[in-house]
């Protein structure tokens, strides 16, 4: 259940940083770095969550949980890259 909430939450966090810092005179120059770093952080968190819940003894039920973690990883990376551009 928590994994289903983390994917939209990661997009909201990256979007919030983008909206809050895009016109700030000091931070707008480091905004691409912040956004790509948040995307990479989401990637590692998603992979870690997916691997943490993976059970090698029960692969049939573990694969969907692993894919949810990987979904968080890819979505946060894509959001970070899109808002960096």
Protein backbone atom coordinates (compact mmCIF):
# COMPACT_ATOMS: atom_id res chain seq x y z
CA UNK A 1 0.00 0.00 0.00
CA UNK A 2 2.77 2.42 0.87
CA UNK A 3 4.40 1.85 -2.51
CA UNK A 4 1.23 2.98 -4.28
CA UNK A 5 1.39 6.29 -2.43
CA UNK A 6 5.09 6.91 -2.96
CA UNK A 7 4.94 7.13 -6.75
CA UNK A 8 2.53 10.11 -6.92
CA UNK A 9 4.21 11.60 -3.86
CA UNK A 10 7.58 11.59 -5.61
CA UNK A 11 6.09 13.46 -8.57
CA UNK A 12 4.44 15.99 -6.24
CA UNK A 13 7.72 16.61 -4.38
CA UNK A 14 9.69 17.15 -7.59
CA UNK A 15 6.93 19.38 -8.98
CA UNK A 16 6.83 21.39 -5.75
CA UNK A 17 10.58 22.03 -5.90
CA UNK A 18 10.20 23.08 -9.53
CA UNK A 19 7.33 25.49 -8.84
CA UNK A 20 8.88 26.99 -5.72
CA UNK A 21 12.41 27.47 -7.04
CA UNK A 22 12.03 28.16 -10.76
CA UNK A 23 11.73 31.95 -10.37
CA UNK A 24 13.90 32.37 -7.30
CA UNK A 25 16.86 34.52 -8.37
CA UNK A 26 19.43 32.56 -6.39
CA UNK A 27 18.14 29.00 -6.65
CA UNK A 28 17.04 28.90 -10.28
CA UNK A 29 20.62 28.20 -11.34
CA UNK A 30 20.91 25.11 -9.16
CA UNK A 31 17.35 23.92 -9.80
CA UNK A 32 18.35 21.40 -12.52
CA UNK A 33 20.84 19.84 -10.12
CA UNK A 34 18.26 19.65 -7.34
CA UNK A 35 15.63 18.09 -9.60
CA UNK A 36 17.91 15.51 -11.13
CA UNK A 37 19.25 14.64 -7.67
CA UNK A 38 15.70 14.15 -6.38
CA UNK A 39 14.99 11.90 -9.38
CA UNK A 40 18.05 9.79 -8.68
CA UNK A 41 17.17 9.64 -4.99
CA UNK A 42 13.69 8.41 -5.91
CA UNK A 43 15.29 5.81 -8.15
CA UNK A 44 17.39 4.39 -5.36
CA UNK A 45 14.51 4.50 -2.88
CA UNK A 46 12.23 2.69 -5.33
CA UNK A 47 14.78 -0.01 -6.05
CA UNK A 48 15.52 -0.43 -2.35
CA UNK A 49 11.82 -0.77 -1.51
CA UNK A 50 11.31 -3.25 -4.32
CA UNK A 51 14.24 -5.37 -3.22
CA UNK A 52 13.33 -5.13 0.45
CA UNK A 53 9.88 -6.64 -0.07
CA UNK A 54 11.10 -9.27 -2.54
CA UNK A 55 10.93 -12.80 -1.15
CA UNK A 56 12.91 -15.44 -3.06
CA UNK A 57 10.86 -18.18 -1.41
CA UNK A 58 7.58 -16.78 -2.73
CA UNK A 59 8.36 -15.32 -6.15
CA UNK A 60 4.77 -15.30 -7.44
CA UNK A 61 3.63 -12.76 -4.87
CA UNK A 62 6.94 -10.92 -4.67
CA UNK A 63 7.26 -9.92 -8.33
CA UNK A 64 4.30 -7.48 -8.28
CA UNK A 65 5.75 -5.82 -5.17
CA UNK A 66 9.16 -5.59 -6.84
CA UNK A 67 7.56 -4.02 -9.90
CA UNK A 68 5.82 -1.41 -7.73
CA UNK A 69 9.20 -0.38 -6.34
CA UNK A 70 10.66 -0.24 -9.82
CA UNK A 71 7.70 1.85 -10.96
CA UNK A 72 8.57 4.39 -8.27
CA UNK A 73 12.18 4.31 -9.44
CA UNK A 74 11.38 4.97 -13.07
CA UNK A 75 8.63 7.53 -12.47
CA UNK A 76 10.76 9.63 -10.12
CA UNK A 77 13.69 9.54 -12.54
CA UNK A 78 11.50 10.54 -15.46
CA UNK A 79 9.89 13.37 -13.46
CA UNK A 80 13.29 14.67 -12.37
CA UNK A 81 14.59 14.63 -15.93
CA UNK A 82 11.47 16.23 -17.42
CA UNK A 83 11.49 19.13 -14.97
CA UNK A 84 15.23 19.56 -15.42
CA UNK A 85 14.85 20.17 -19.14
